[in-house]
Amino acid sequence: TGEIGTCDEGDLHWVDNDKILDRELWEGDRLFWDWILNEKGLFS
């Protein structure tokens, strides 16, 4: 609920899901994005 505002820690952007891995991510984030996008289930 509400409108996306601004953040004092950085810039907020809507990123196409198929372009997420093109961004500067932590290497581990690259792994969990595959798990999220491919519905691999709850992970630890």
PDB file of all heavy atoms in Angstrom:
ATOM      1  N   THR A   1       0.848  -1.177   0.000  1.00  0.00           N
ATOM      2  CA  THR A   1       0.000   0.000   0.000  1.00  0.00           C
ATOM      3  C   THR A   1       0.888   1.233   0.000  1.00  0.00           C
ATOM      4  O   THR A   1       1.860   1.295   0.758  1.00  0.00           O
ATOM      5  CB  THR A   1      -0.904   0.023   1.250  1.00  0.00           C
ATOM      6  OG1 THR A   1      -1.672  -1.172   1.285  1.00  0.00           O
ATOM      7  CG2 THR A   1      -1.825   1.225   1.245  1.00  0.00           C
ATOM      8  N   GLY A   2       0.545   2.197  -0.843  1.00  0.00           N
ATOM      9  CA  GLY A   2       1.293   3.441  -0.904  1.00  0.00           C
ATOM     10  C   GLY A   2       2.066   3.557  -2.203  1.00  0.00           C
ATOM     11  O   GLY A   2       1.997   2.685  -3.068  1.00  0.00           O
ATOM     12  N   GLU A   3       2.790   4.644  -2.317  1.00  0.00           N
ATOM     13  CA  GLU A   3       3.601   4.923  -3.498  1.00  0.00           C
ATOM     14  C   GLU A   3       5.072   4.790  -3.133  1.00  0.00           C
ATOM     15  O   GLU A   3       5.500   5.299  -2.092  1.00  0.00           O
ATOM     16  CB  GLU A   3       3.325   6.337  -4.016  1.00  0.00           C
ATOM     17  CG  GLU A   3       1.914   6.557  -4.520  1.00  0.00           C
ATOM     18  CD  GLU A   3       1.590   5.720  -5.754  1.00  0.00           C
ATOM     19  OE1 GLU A   3       2.473   5.584  -6.628  1.00  0.00           O
ATOM     20  OE2 GLU A   3       0.466   5.195  -5.830  1.00  0.00           O
ATOM     21  N   ILE A   4       5.830   4.140  -4.007  1.00  0.00           N
ATOM     22  CA  ILE A   4       7.262   3.998  -3.787  1.00  0.00           C
ATOM     23  C   ILE A   4       7.885   5.396  -3.758  1.00  0.00           C
ATOM     24  O   ILE A   4       7.662   6.206  -4.661  1.00  0.00           O
ATOM     25  CB  ILE A   4       7.925   3.150  -4.901  1.00  0.00           C
ATOM     26  CG1 ILE A   4       7.298   1.751  -4.978  1.00  0.00           C
ATOM     27  CG2 ILE A   4       9.436   3.094  -4.718  1.00  0.00           C
ATOM     28  CD1 ILE A   4       7.568   0.841  -3.812  1.00  0.00           C
ATOM     29  N   GLY A   5       8.649   5.654  -2.711  1.00  0.00           N
ATOM     30  CA  GLY A   5       9.279   6.962  -2.551  1.00  0.00           C
ATOM     31  C   GLY A   5      10.756   6.926  -2.879  1.00  0.00           C
ATOM     32  O   GLY A   5      11.194   6.168  -3.746  1.00  0.00           O
ATOM     33  N   THR A   6      11.508   7.729  -2.165  1.00  0.00           N
ATOM     34  CA  THR A   6      12.960   7.773  -2.345  1.00  0.00           C
ATOM     35  C   THR A   6      13.625   7.203  -1.098  1.00  0.00           C
ATOM     36  O   THR A   6      13.012   7.128  -0.029  1.00  0.00           O
ATOM     37  CB  THR A   6      13.456   9.209  -2.584  1.00  0.00           C
ATOM     38  OG1 THR A   6      13.097  10.011  -1.460  1.00  0.00           O
ATOM     39  CG2 THR A   6      12.868   9.789  -3.849  1.00  0.00           C
ATOM     40  N   CYS A   7      14.880   6.835  -1.247  1.00  0.00           N
ATOM     41  CA  CYS A   7      15.619   6.218  -0.156  1.00  0.00           C
ATOM     42  C   CYS A   7      16.924   6.979   0.051  1.00  0.00           C
ATOM     43  O   CYS A   7      17.619   7.290  -0.923  1.00  0.00           O
ATOM     44  CB  CYS A   7      15.903   4.751  -0.496  1.00  0.00           C
ATOM     45  SG  CYS A   7      16.799   3.866   0.800  1.00  0.00           S
ATOM     46  N   ASP A   8      17.268   7.253   1.315  1.00  0.00           N
ATOM     47  CA  ASP A   8      18.504   7.990   1.579  1.00  0.00           C
ATOM     48  C   ASP A   8      19.745   7.097   1.530  1.00  0.00           C
ATOM     49  O   ASP A   8      20.859   7.591   1.690  1.00  0.00           O
ATOM     50  CB  ASP A   8      18.417   8.750   2.907  1.00  0.00           C
ATOM     51  CG  ASP A   8      18.227   7.847   4.111  1.00  0.00           C
ATOM     52  OD1 ASP A   8      18.212   6.616   3.961  1.00  0.00           O
ATOM     53  OD2 ASP A   8      18.101   8.395   5.228  1.00  0.00           O
ATOM     54  N   GLU A   9      19.577   5.804   1.298  1.00  0.00           N
ATOM     55  CA  GLU A   9      20.721   4.888   1.229  1.00  0.00           C
ATOM     56  C   GLU A   9      21.141   4.595  -0.211  1.00  0.00           C
ATOM     57  O   GLU A   9      22.188   3.993  -0.441  1.00  0.00           O
ATOM     58  CB  GLU A   9      20.395   3.591   1.957  1.00  0.00           C
ATOM     59  CG  GLU A   9      20.182   3.814   3.437  1.00  0.00           C
ATOM     60  CD  GLU A   9      19.865   2.550   4.197  1.00  0.00           C
ATOM     61  OE1 GLU A   9      20.000   1.451   3.630  1.00  0.00           O
ATOM     62  OE2 GLU A   9      19.488   2.662   5.368  1.00  0.00           O
ATOM     63  N   GLY A  10      20.306   4.965  -1.175  1.00  0.00           N
ATOM     64  CA  GLY A  10      20.611   4.713  -2.577  1.00  0.00           C
ATOM     65  C   GLY A  10      19.399   5.010  -3.429  1.00  0.00           C
ATOM     66  O   GLY A  10      18.396   5.549  -2.956  1.00  0.00           O
ATOM     67  N   ASP A  11      19.504   4.634  -4.694  1.00  0.00           N
ATOM     68  CA  ASP A  11      18.428   4.883  -5.645  1.00  0.00           C
ATOM     69  C   ASP A  11      17.597   3.621  -5.843  1.00  0.00           C
ATOM     70  O   ASP A  11      18.153   2.530  -6.030  1.00  0.00           O
ATOM     71  CB  ASP A  11      19.008   5.329  -6.994  1.00  0.00           C
ATOM     72  CG  ASP A  11      19.760   6.646  -6.882  1.00  0.00           C
ATOM     73  OD1 ASP A  11      19.292   7.535  -6.143  1.00  0.00           O
ATOM     74  OD2 ASP A  11      20.812   6.785  -7.536  1.00  0.00           O
ATOM     75  N   LEU A  12      16.280   3.770  -5.821  1.00  0.00           N
ATOM     76  CA  LEU A  12      15.366   2.661  -6.052  1.00  0.00           C
ATOM     77  C   LEU A  12      15.044   2.569  -7.538  1.00  0.00           C
ATOM     78  O   LEU A  12      14.762   3.581  -8.177  1.00  0.00           O
ATOM     79  CB  LEU A  12      14.072   2.863  -5.254  1.00  0.00           C
ATOM     80  CG  LEU A  12      14.227   2.861  -3.737  1.00  0.00           C
ATOM     81  CD1 LEU A  12      12.934   3.296  -3.064  1.00  0.00           C
ATOM     82  CD2 LEU A  12      14.667   1.496  -3.247  1.00  0.00           C
ATOM     83  N   HIS A  13      15.097   1.337  -8.071  1.00  0.00           N
ATOM     84  CA  HIS A  13      14.825   1.103  -9.487  1.00  0.00           C
ATOM     85  C   HIS A  13      14.002  -0.174  -9.644  1.00  0.00           C
ATOM     86  O   HIS A  13      14.276  -1.172  -8.967  1.00  0.00           O
ATOM     87  CB  HIS A  13      16.129   0.901 -10.279  1.00  0.00           C
ATOM     88  CG  HIS A  13      17.026   2.074 -10.298  1.00  0.00           C
ATOM     89  ND1 HIS A  13      16.918   3.079 -11.220  1.00  0.00           N
ATOM     90  CD2 HIS A  13      18.069   2.402  -9.500  1.00  0.00           C
ATOM     91  CE1 HIS A  13      17.861   3.975 -10.991  1.00  0.00           C
ATOM     92  NE2 HIS A  13      18.568   3.593  -9.957  1.00  0.00           N
ATOM     93  N   TRP A  14      13.047  -0.142 -10.563  1.00  0.00           N
ATOM     94  CA  TRP A  14      12.367  -1.362 -10.986  1.00  0.00           C
ATOM     95  C   TRP A  14      13.239  -2.011 -12.059  1.00  0.00           C
ATOM     96  O   TRP A  14      13.530  -1.391 -13.083  1.00  0.00           O
ATOM     97  CB  TRP A  14      10.976  -1.061 -11.538  1.00  0.00           C
ATOM     98  CG  TRP A  14       9.997  -0.679 -10.465  1.00  0.00           C
ATOM     99  CD1 TRP A  14       9.578   0.579 -10.153  1.00  0.00           C
ATOM    100  CD2 TRP A  14       9.330  -1.566  -9.569  1.00  0.00           C
ATOM    101  NE1 TRP A  14       8.684   0.522  -9.114  1.00  0.00           N
ATOM    102  CE2 TRP A  14       8.507  -0.781  -8.734  1.00  0.00           C
ATOM    103  CE3 TRP A  14       9.348  -2.952  -9.387  1.00  0.00           C
ATOM    104  CZ2 TRP A  14       7.715  -1.327  -7.728  1.00  0.00           C
ATOM    105  CZ3 TRP A  14       8.552  -3.496  -8.392  1.00  0.00           C
ATOM    106  CH2 TRP A  14       7.749  -2.701  -7.579  1.00  0.00           C
ATOM    107  N   VAL A  15      13.668  -3.235 -11.806  1.00  0.00           N
ATOM    108  CA  VAL A  15      14.568  -3.951 -12.714  1.00  0.00           C
ATOM    109  C   VAL A  15      13.814  -5.147 -13.290  1.00  0.00           C
ATOM    110  O   VAL A  15      13.195  -5.915 -12.539  1.00  0.00           O
ATOM    111  CB  VAL A  15      15.833  -4.431 -11.961  1.00  0.00           C
ATOM    112  CG1 VAL A  15      16.747  -5.230 -12.878  1.00  0.00           C
ATOM    113  CG2 VAL A  15      16.576  -3.240 -11.344  1.00  0.00           C
ATOM    114  N   ASP A  16      13.854  -5.301 -14.619  1.00  0.00           N
ATOM    115  CA  ASP A  16      13.264  -6.485 -15.243  1.00  0.00           C
ATOM    116  C   ASP A  16      13.902  -7.732 -14.630  1.00  0.00           C
ATOM    117  O   ASP A  16      15.134  -7.793 -14.492  1.00  0.00           O
ATOM    118  CB  ASP A  16      13.509  -6.493 -16.757  1.00  0.00           C
ATOM    119  CG  ASP A  16      12.722  -5.427 -17.493  1.00  0.00           C
ATOM    120  OD1 ASP A  16      11.613  -5.080 -17.036  1.00  0.00           O
ATOM    121  OD2 ASP A  16      13.229  -4.939 -18.513  1.00  0.00           O
ATOM    122  N   ASN A  17      13.074  -8.708 -14.273  1.00  0.00           N
ATOM    123  CA  ASN A  17      13.605  -9.914 -13.626  1.00  0.00           C
ATOM    124  C   ASN A  17      14.698 -10.585 -14.446  1.00  0.00           C
ATOM    125  O   ASN A  17      15.665 -11.104 -13.872  1.00  0.00           O
ATOM    126  CB  ASN A  17      12.482 -10.902 -13.321  1.00  0.00           C
ATOM    127  CG  ASN A  17      11.597 -10.426 -12.186  1.00  0.00           C
ATOM    128  OD1 ASN A  17      11.959  -9.528 -11.426  1.00  0.00           O
ATOM    129  ND2 ASN A  17      10.429 -11.019 -12.072  1.00  0.00           N
ATOM    130  N   ASP A  18      14.578 -10.549 -15.760  1.00  0.00           N
ATOM    131  CA  ASP A  18      15.607 -11.196 -16.587  1.00  0.00           C
ATOM    132  C   ASP A  18      16.869 -10.339 -16.740  1.00  0.00           C
ATOM    133  O   ASP A  18      17.832 -10.759 -17.379  1.00  0.00           O
ATOM    134  CB  ASP A  18      15.055 -11.597 -17.951  1.00  0.00           C
ATOM    135  CG  ASP A  18      14.602 -10.416 -18.797  1.00  0.00           C
ATOM    136  OD1 ASP A  18      14.574  -9.265 -18.300  1.00  0.00           O
ATOM    137  OD2 ASP A  18      14.275 -10.643 -19.970  1.00  0.00           O
ATOM    138  N   LYS A  19      16.909  -9.167 -16.108  1.00  0.00           N
ATOM    139  CA  LYS A  19      18.083  -8.290 -16.152  1.00  0.00           C
ATOM    140  C   LYS A  19      18.768  -8.164 -14.783  1.00  0.00           C
ATOM    141  O   LYS A  19      19.788  -7.481 -14.666  1.00  0.00           O
ATOM    142  CB  LYS A  19      17.695  -6.888 -16.635  1.00  0.00           C
ATOM    143  CG  LYS A  19      17.050  -6.854 -18.000  1.00  0.00           C
ATOM    144  CD  LYS A  19      18.046  -7.132 -19.081  1.00  0.00           C
ATOM    145  CE  LYS A  19      17.392  -6.937 -20.437  1.00  0.00           C
ATOM    146  NZ  LYS A  19      18.006  -7.728 -21.472  1.00  0.00           N
ATOM    147  N   ILE A  20      18.212  -8.803 -13.764  1.00  0.00           N
ATOM    148  CA  ILE A  20      18.773  -8.677 -12.425  1.00  0.00           C
ATOM    149  C   ILE A  20      20.233  -9.112 -12.392  1.00  0.00           C
ATOM    150  O   ILE A  20      21.083  -8.442 -11.803  1.00  0.00           O
ATOM    151  CB  ILE A  20      17.932  -9.473 -11.399  1.00  0.00           C
ATOM    152  CG1 ILE A  20      16.573  -8.790 -11.214  1.00  0.00           C
ATOM    153  CG2 ILE A  20      18.673  -9.599 -10.063  1.00  0.00           C
ATOM    154  CD1 ILE A  20      15.580  -9.564 -10.395  1.00  0.00           C
ATOM    155  N   LEU A  21      20.551 -10.223 -13.042  1.00  0.00           N
ATOM    156  CA  LEU A  21      21.921 -10.745 -12.994  1.00  0.00           C
ATOM    157  C   LEU A  21      22.904  -9.866 -13.765  1.00  0.00           C
ATOM    158  O   LEU A  21      24.123 -10.060 -13.644  1.00  0.00           O
ATOM    159  CB  LEU A  21      21.960 -12.177 -13.502  1.00  0.00           C
ATOM    160  CG  LEU A  21      21.163 -13.177 -12.651  1.00  0.00           C
ATOM    161  CD1 LEU A  21      21.261 -14.571 -13.251  1.00  0.00           C
ATOM    162  CD2 LEU A  21      21.612 -13.174 -11.200  1.00  0.00           C
ATOM    163  N   ASP A  22      22.412  -8.872 -14.525  1.00  0.00           N
ATOM    164  CA  ASP A  22      23.284  -7.922 -15.216  1.00  0.00           C
ATOM    165  C   ASP A  22      23.787  -6.824 -14.281  1.00  0.00           C
ATOM    166  O   ASP A  22      24.676  -6.057 -14.651  1.00  0.00           O
ATOM    167  CB  ASP A  22      22.559  -7.262 -16.390  1.00  0.00           C
ATOM    168  CG  ASP A  22      22.174  -8.254 -17.467  1.00  0.00           C
ATOM    169  OD1 ASP A  22      22.759  -9.344 -17.518  1.00  0.00           O
ATOM    170  OD2 ASP A  22      21.266  -7.926 -18.264  1.00  0.00           O
ATOM    171  N   ARG A  23      23.215  -6.731 -13.093  1.00  0.00           N
ATOM    172  CA  ARG A  23      23.574  -5.689 -12.125  1.00  0.00           C
ATOM    173  C   ARG A  23      24.773  -6.141 -11.288  1.00  0.00           C
ATOM    174  O   ARG A  23      25.133  -7.313 -11.263  1.00  0.00           O
ATOM    175  CB  ARG A  23      22.386  -5.386 -11.193  1.00  0.00           C
ATOM    176  CG  ARG A  23      21.110  -5.027 -11.906  1.00  0.00           C
ATOM    177  CD  ARG A  23      21.243  -3.726 -12.643  1.00  0.00           C
ATOM    178  NE  ARG A  23      20.061  -3.472 -13.453  1.00  0.00           N
ATOM    179  CZ  ARG A  23      19.719  -2.287 -13.874  1.00  0.00           C
ATOM    180  NH1 ARG A  23      20.434  -1.238 -13.585  1.00  0.00           N
ATOM    181  NH2 ARG A  23      18.651  -2.147 -14.624  1.00  0.00           N
ATOM    182  N   GLU A  24      25.364  -5.185 -10.584  1.00  0.00           N
ATOM    183  CA  GLU A  24      26.474  -5.505  -9.679  1.00  0.00           C
ATOM    184  C   GLU A  24      25.888  -6.060  -8.381  1.00  0.00           C
ATOM    185  O   GLU A  24      25.366  -5.314  -7.547  1.00  0.00           O
ATOM    186  CB  GLU A  24      27.337  -4.268  -9.397  1.00  0.00           C
ATOM    187  CG  GLU A  24      28.559  -4.588  -8.579  1.00  0.00           C
ATOM    188  CD  GLU A  24      29.484  -3.396  -8.377  1.00  0.00           C
ATOM    189  OE1 GLU A  24      29.409  -2.426  -9.138  1.00  0.00           O
ATOM    190  OE2 GLU A  24      30.284  -3.463  -7.424  1.00  0.00           O
ATOM    191  N   LEU A  25      25.958  -7.380  -8.252  1.00  0.00           N
ATOM    192  CA  LEU A  25      25.398  -8.095  -7.101  1.00  0.00           C
ATOM    193  C   LEU A  25      26.519  -8.770  -6.319  1.00  0.00           C
ATOM    194  O   LEU A  25      27.585  -9.061  -6.859  1.00  0.00           O
ATOM    195  CB  LEU A  25      24.439  -9.196  -7.571  1.00  0.00           C
ATOM    196  CG  LEU A  25      23.303  -8.838  -8.510  1.00  0.00           C
ATOM    197  CD1 LEU A  25      22.607 -10.107  -8.984  1.00  0.00           C
ATOM    198  CD2 LEU A  25      22.318  -7.909  -7.837  1.00  0.00           C
ATOM    199  N   TRP A  26      26.228  -9.087  -5.069  1.00  0.00           N
ATOM    200  CA  TRP A  26      27.089 -10.019  -4.339  1.00  0.00           C
ATOM    201  C   TRP A  26      27.015 -11.352  -5.073  1.00  0.00           C
ATOM    202  O   TRP A  26      25.963 -11.730  -5.604  1.00  0.00           O
ATOM    203  CB  TRP A  26      26.604 -10.196  -2.900  1.00  0.00           C
ATOM    204  CG  TRP A  26      26.859  -9.015  -2.022  1.00  0.00           C
ATOM    205  CD1 TRP A  26      25.962  -8.044  -1.673  1.00  0.00           C
ATOM    206  CD2 TRP A  26      28.093  -8.684  -1.385  1.00  0.00           C
ATOM    207  NE1 TRP A  26      26.569  -7.130  -0.863  1.00  0.00           N
ATOM    208  CE2 TRP A  26      27.878  -7.495  -0.655  1.00  0.00           C
ATOM    209  CE3 TRP A  26      29.350  -9.277  -1.353  1.00  0.00           C
ATOM    210  CZ2 TRP A  26      28.880  -6.892   0.098  1.00  0.00           C
ATOM    211  CZ3 TRP A  26      30.346  -8.674  -0.603  1.00  0.00           C
ATOM    212  CH2 TRP A  26      30.105  -7.494   0.112  1.00  0.00           C
ATOM    213  N   GLU A  27      28.117 -12.112  -5.100  1.00  0.00           N
ATOM    214  CA  GLU A  27      28.129 -13.404  -5.791  1.00  0.00           C
ATOM    215  C   GLU A  27      27.073 -14.357  -5.223  1.00  0.00           C
ATOM    216  O   GLU A  27      26.426 -15.089  -5.970  1.00  0.00           O
ATOM    217  CB  GLU A  27      29.518 -14.043  -5.699  1.00  0.00           C
ATOM    218  CG  GLU A  27      30.568 -13.348  -6.524  1.00  0.00           C
ATOM    219  CD  GLU A  27      31.917 -14.040  -6.401  1.00  0.00           C
ATOM    220  OE1 GLU A  27      32.027 -15.219  -6.798  1.00  0.00           O
ATOM    221  OE2 GLU A  27      32.846 -13.395  -5.895  1.00  0.00           O
ATOM    222  N   GLY A  28      26.900 -14.364  -3.923  1.00  0.00           N
ATOM    223  CA  GLY A  28      25.881 -15.213  -3.317  1.00  0.00           C
ATOM    224  C   GLY A  28      24.478 -14.833  -3.731  1.00  0.00           C
ATOM    225  O   GLY A  28      23.606 -15.689  -3.894  1.00  0.00           O
ATOM    226  N   ASP A  29      24.245 -13.533  -3.937  1.00  0.00           N
ATOM    227  CA  ASP A  29      22.935 -13.076  -4.411  1.00  0.00           C
ATOM    228  C   ASP A  29      22.641 -13.643  -5.796  1.00  0.00           C
ATOM    229  O   ASP A  29      21.501 -13.973  -6.110  1.00  0.00           O
ATOM    230  CB  ASP A  29      22.869 -11.552  -4.457  1.00  0.00           C
ATOM    231  CG  ASP A  29      22.865 -10.907  -3.080  1.00  0.00           C
ATOM    232  OD1 ASP A  29      23.239 -11.575  -2.101  1.00  0.00           O
ATOM    233  OD2 ASP A  29      22.500  -9.724  -2.986  1.00  0.00           O
ATOM    234  N   ARG A  30      23.654 -13.783  -6.618  1.00  0.00           N
ATOM    235  CA  ARG A  30      23.466 -14.396  -7.939  1.00  0.00           C
ATOM    236  C   ARG A  30      22.949 -15.826  -7.793  1.00  0.00           C
ATOM    237  O   ARG A  30      22.098 -16.263  -8.561  1.00  0.00           O
ATOM    238  CB  ARG A  30      24.772 -14.402  -8.726  1.00  0.00           C
ATOM    239  CG  ARG A  30      25.225 -13.046  -9.135  1.00  0.00           C
ATOM    240  CD  ARG A  30      26.498 -13.080  -9.988  1.00  0.00           C
ATOM    241  NE  ARG A  30      26.904 -11.724 -10.272  1.00  0.00           N
ATOM    242  CZ  ARG A  30      26.300 -10.914 -11.118  1.00  0.00           C
ATOM    243  NH1 ARG A  30      25.269 -11.341 -11.803  1.00  0.00           N
ATOM    244  NH2 ARG A  30      26.716  -9.683 -11.299  1.00  0.00           N
ATOM    245  N   LEU A  31      23.446 -16.536  -6.785  1.00  0.00           N
ATOM    246  CA  LEU A  31      22.976 -17.903  -6.544  1.00  0.00           C
ATOM    247  C   LEU A  31      21.524 -17.899  -6.087  1.00  0.00           C
ATOM    248  O   LEU A  31      20.694 -18.623  -6.629  1.00  0.00           O
ATOM    249  CB  LEU A  31      23.870 -18.600  -5.515  1.00  0.00           C
ATOM    250  CG  LEU A  31      25.335 -18.792  -5.906  1.00  0.00           C
ATOM    251  CD1 LEU A  31      26.121 -19.383  -4.741  1.00  0.00           C
ATOM    252  CD2 LEU A  31      25.458 -19.673  -7.137  1.00  0.00           C
ATOM    253  N   PHE A  32      21.210 -17.083  -5.082  1.00  0.00           N
ATOM    254  CA  PHE A  32      19.840 -17.160  -4.566  1.00  0.00           C
ATOM    255  C   PHE A  32      18.820 -16.593  -5.539  1.00  0.00           C
ATOM    256  O   PHE A  32      17.650 -16.976  -5.498  1.00  0.00           O
ATOM    257  CB  PHE A  32      19.684 -16.648  -3.132  1.00  0.00           C
ATOM    258  CG  PHE A  32      19.667 -15.173  -2.885  1.00  0.00           C
ATOM    259  CD1 PHE A  32      18.683 -14.347  -3.411  1.00  0.00           C
ATOM    260  CD2 PHE A  32      20.612 -14.610  -2.035  1.00  0.00           C
ATOM    261  CE1 PHE A  32      18.650 -12.994  -3.133  1.00  0.00           C
ATOM    262  CE2 PHE A  32      20.587 -13.251  -1.741  1.00  0.00           C
ATOM    263  CZ  PHE A  32      19.607 -12.448  -2.297  1.00  0.00           C
ATOM    264  N   TRP A  33      19.237 -15.701  -6.456  1.00  0.00           N
ATOM    265  CA  TRP A  33      18.281 -15.244  -7.467  1.00  0.00           C
ATOM    266  C   TRP A  33      17.842 -16.392  -8.366  1.00  0.00           C
ATOM    267  O   TRP A  33      16.682 -16.481  -8.743  1.00  0.00           O
ATOM    268  CB  TRP A  33      18.833 -14.071  -8.282  1.00  0.00           C
ATOM    269  CG  TRP A  33      18.425 -12.787  -7.634  1.00  0.00           C
ATOM    270  CD1 TRP A  33      19.211 -11.903  -6.976  1.00  0.00           C
ATOM    271  CD2 TRP A  33      17.089 -12.299  -7.508  1.00  0.00           C
ATOM    272  NE1 TRP A  33      18.451 -10.886  -6.459  1.00  0.00           N
ATOM    273  CE2 TRP A  33      17.149 -11.110  -6.776  1.00  0.00           C
ATOM    274  CE3 TRP A  33      15.852 -12.754  -7.951  1.00  0.00           C
ATOM    275  CZ2 TRP A  33      16.015 -10.361  -6.468  1.00  0.00           C
ATOM    276  CZ3 TRP A  33      14.724 -12.000  -7.646  1.00  0.00           C
ATOM    277  CH2 TRP A  33      14.815 -10.827  -6.915  1.00  0.00           C
ATOM    278  N   ASP A  34      18.749 -17.277  -8.701  1.00  0.00           N
ATOM    279  CA  ASP A  34      18.372 -18.457  -9.472  1.00  0.00           C
ATOM    280  C   ASP A  34      17.350 -19.281  -8.693  1.00  0.00           C
ATOM    281  O   ASP A  34      16.352 -19.730  -9.246  1.00  0.00           O
ATOM    282  CB  ASP A  34      19.607 -19.302  -9.794  1.00  0.00           C
ATOM    283  CG  ASP A  34      19.242 -20.590 -10.499  1.00  0.00           C
ATOM    284  OD1 ASP A  34      18.685 -20.527 -11.610  1.00  0.00           O
ATOM    285  OD2 ASP A  34      19.504 -21.667  -9.918  1.00  0.00           O
ATOM    286  N   TRP A  35      17.575 -19.438  -7.421  1.00  0.00           N
ATOM    287  CA  TRP A  35      16.659 -20.239  -6.594  1.00  0.00           C
ATOM    288  C   TRP A  35      15.290 -19.582  -6.501  1.00  0.00           C
ATOM    289  O   TRP A  35      14.266 -20.260  -6.562  1.00  0.00           O
ATOM    290  CB  TRP A  35      17.247 -20.444  -5.199  1.00  0.00           C
ATOM    291  CG  TRP A  35      18.641 -20.993  -5.196  1.00  0.00           C
ATOM    292  CD1 TRP A  35      19.233 -21.762  -6.169  1.00  0.00           C
ATOM    293  CD2 TRP A  35      19.625 -20.801  -4.185  1.00  0.00           C
ATOM    294  NE1 TRP A  35      20.531 -22.061  -5.803  1.00  0.00           N
ATOM    295  CE2 TRP A  35      20.798 -21.486  -4.599  1.00  0.00           C
ATOM    296  CE3 TRP A  35      19.643 -20.131  -2.978  1.00  0.00           C
ATOM    297  CZ2 TRP A  35      21.955 -21.518  -3.838  1.00  0.00           C
ATOM    298  CZ3 TRP A  35      20.795 -20.155  -2.214  1.00  0.00           C
ATOM    299  CH2 TRP A  35      21.937 -20.846  -2.638  1.00  0.00           C
ATOM    300  N   ILE A  36      15.260 -18.270  -6.341  1.00  0.00           N
ATOM    301  CA  ILE A  36      13.986 -17.551  -6.238  1.00  0.00           C
ATOM    302  C   ILE A  36      13.245 -17.584  -7.571  1.00  0.00           C
ATOM    303  O   ILE A  36      12.066 -17.937  -7.631  1.00  0.00           O
ATOM    304  CB  ILE A  36      14.221 -16.096  -5.767  1.00  0.00           C
ATOM    305  CG1 ILE A  36      14.633 -16.086  -4.292  1.00  0.00           C
ATOM    306  CG2 ILE A  36      12.969 -15.246  -5.991  1.00  0.00           C
ATOM    307  CD1 ILE A  36      15.061 -14.723  -3.770  1.00  0.00           C
ATOM    308  N   LEU A  37      13.916 -17.200  -8.638  1.00  0.00           N
ATOM    309  CA  LEU A  37      13.254 -17.108  -9.942  1.00  0.00           C
ATOM    310  C   LEU A  37      12.801 -18.467 -10.461  1.00  0.00           C
ATOM    311  O   LEU A  37      11.823 -18.551 -11.205  1.00  0.00           O
ATOM    312  CB  LEU A  37      14.162 -16.421 -10.954  1.00  0.00           C
ATOM    313  CG  LEU A  37      14.444 -14.939 -10.664  1.00  0.00           C
ATOM    314  CD1 LEU A  37      15.490 -14.390 -11.624  1.00  0.00           C
ATOM    315  CD2 LEU A  37      13.176 -14.106 -10.709  1.00  0.00           C
ATOM    316  N   ASN A  38      13.483 -19.527 -10.067  1.00  0.00           N
ATOM    317  CA  ASN A  38      13.121 -20.876 -10.516  1.00  0.00           C
ATOM    318  C   ASN A  38      12.357 -21.667  -9.456  1.00  0.00           C
ATOM    319  O   ASN A  38      12.227 -22.891  -9.587  1.00  0.00           O
ATOM    320  CB  ASN A  38      14.368 -21.631 -10.979  1.00  0.00           C
ATOM    321  CG  ASN A  38      14.913 -21.039 -12.250  1.00  0.00           C
ATOM    322  OD1 ASN A  38      14.226 -20.978 -13.269  1.00  0.00           O
ATOM    323  ND2 ASN A  38      16.156 -20.571 -12.209  1.00  0.00           N
ATOM    324  N   GLU A  39      11.853 -20.960  -8.421  1.00  0.00           N
ATOM    325  CA  GLU A  39      10.997 -21.567  -7.395  1.00  0.00           C
ATOM    326  C   GLU A  39      11.596 -22.863  -6.831  1.00  0.00           C
ATOM    327  O   GLU A  39      10.925 -23.888  -6.738  1.00  0.00           O
ATOM    328  CB  GLU A  39       9.599 -21.834  -7.955  1.00  0.00           C
ATOM    329  CG  GLU A  39       8.821 -20.591  -8.308  1.00  0.00           C
ATOM    330  CD  GLU A  39       8.390 -19.769  -7.099  1.00  0.00           C
ATOM    331  OE1 GLU A  39       8.319 -20.300  -5.973  1.00  0.00           O
ATOM    332  OE2 GLU A  39       8.139 -18.569  -7.292  1.00  0.00           O
ATOM    333  N   LYS A  40      12.854 -22.810  -6.412  1.00  0.00           N
ATOM    334  CA  LYS A  40      13.525 -24.006  -5.874  1.00  0.00           C
ATOM    335  C   LYS A  40      13.102 -24.323  -4.441  1.00  0.00           C
ATOM    336  O   LYS A  40      13.463 -25.364  -3.925  1.00  0.00           O
ATOM    337  CB  LYS A  40      15.037 -23.835  -5.955  1.00  0.00           C
ATOM    338  CG  LYS A  40      15.515 -23.675  -7.373  1.00  0.00           C
ATOM    339  CD  LYS A  40      16.594 -24.635  -7.694  1.00  0.00           C
ATOM    340  CE  LYS A  40      16.993 -24.482  -9.141  1.00  0.00           C
ATOM    341  NZ  LYS A  40      18.199 -25.137  -9.460  1.00  0.00           N
ATOM    342  N   GLY A  41      12.354 -23.439  -3.806  1.00  0.00           N
ATOM    343  CA  GLY A  41      11.856 -23.678  -2.460  1.00  0.00           C
ATOM    344  C   GLY A  41      12.604 -22.885  -1.406  1.00  0.00           C
ATOM    345  O   GLY A  41      13.546 -22.152  -1.693  1.00  0.00           O
ATOM    346  N   LEU A  42      12.144 -23.046  -0.184  1.00  0.00           N
ATOM    347  CA  LEU A  42      12.761 -22.372   0.957  1.00  0.00           C
ATOM    348  C   LEU A  42      14.197 -22.859   1.101  1.00  0.00           C
ATOM    349  O   LEU A  42      14.454 -24.058   1.059  1.00  0.00           O
ATOM    350  CB  LEU A  42      11.963 -22.674   2.226  1.00  0.00           C
ATOM    351  CG  LEU A  42      12.413 -21.961   3.496  1.00  0.00           C
ATOM    352  CD1 LEU A  42      12.169 -20.464   3.397  1.00  0.00           C
ATOM    353  CD2 LEU A  42      11.688 -22.537   4.700  1.00  0.00           C
ATOM    354  N   PHE A  43      15.124 -21.919   1.282  1.00  0.00           N
ATOM    355  CA  PHE A  43      16.528 -22.297   1.357  1.00  0.00           C
ATOM    356  C   PHE A  43      17.204 -21.731   2.601  1.00  0.00           C
ATOM    357  O   PHE A  43      16.757 -20.745   3.176  1.00  0.00           O
ATOM    358  CB  PHE A  43      17.288 -21.848   0.100  1.00  0.00           C
ATOM    359  CG  PHE A  43      17.313 -20.353  -0.111  1.00  0.00           C
ATOM    360  CD1 PHE A  43      18.267 -19.556   0.482  1.00  0.00           C
ATOM    361  CD2 PHE A  43      16.374 -19.744  -0.931  1.00  0.00           C
ATOM    362  CE1 PHE A  43      18.289 -18.187   0.282  1.00  0.00           C
ATOM    363  CE2 PHE A  43      16.385 -18.380  -1.144  1.00  0.00           C
ATOM    364  CZ  PHE A  43      17.341 -17.593  -0.531  1.00  0.00           C
ATOM    365  N   SER A  44      18.270 -22.401   2.995  1.00  0.00           N
ATOM    366  CA  SER A  44      19.200 -21.893   3.994  1.00  0.00           C
ATOM    367  C   SER A  44      20.574 -21.996   3.365  1.00  0.00           C
ATOM    368  O   SER A  44      21.036 -23.084   3.029  1.00  0.00           O
ATOM    369  CB  SER A  44      19.134 -22.715   5.278  1.00  0.00           C
ATOM    370  OG  SER A  44      20.092 -22.234   6.213  1.00  0.00           O
TER     371      SER A  44
END
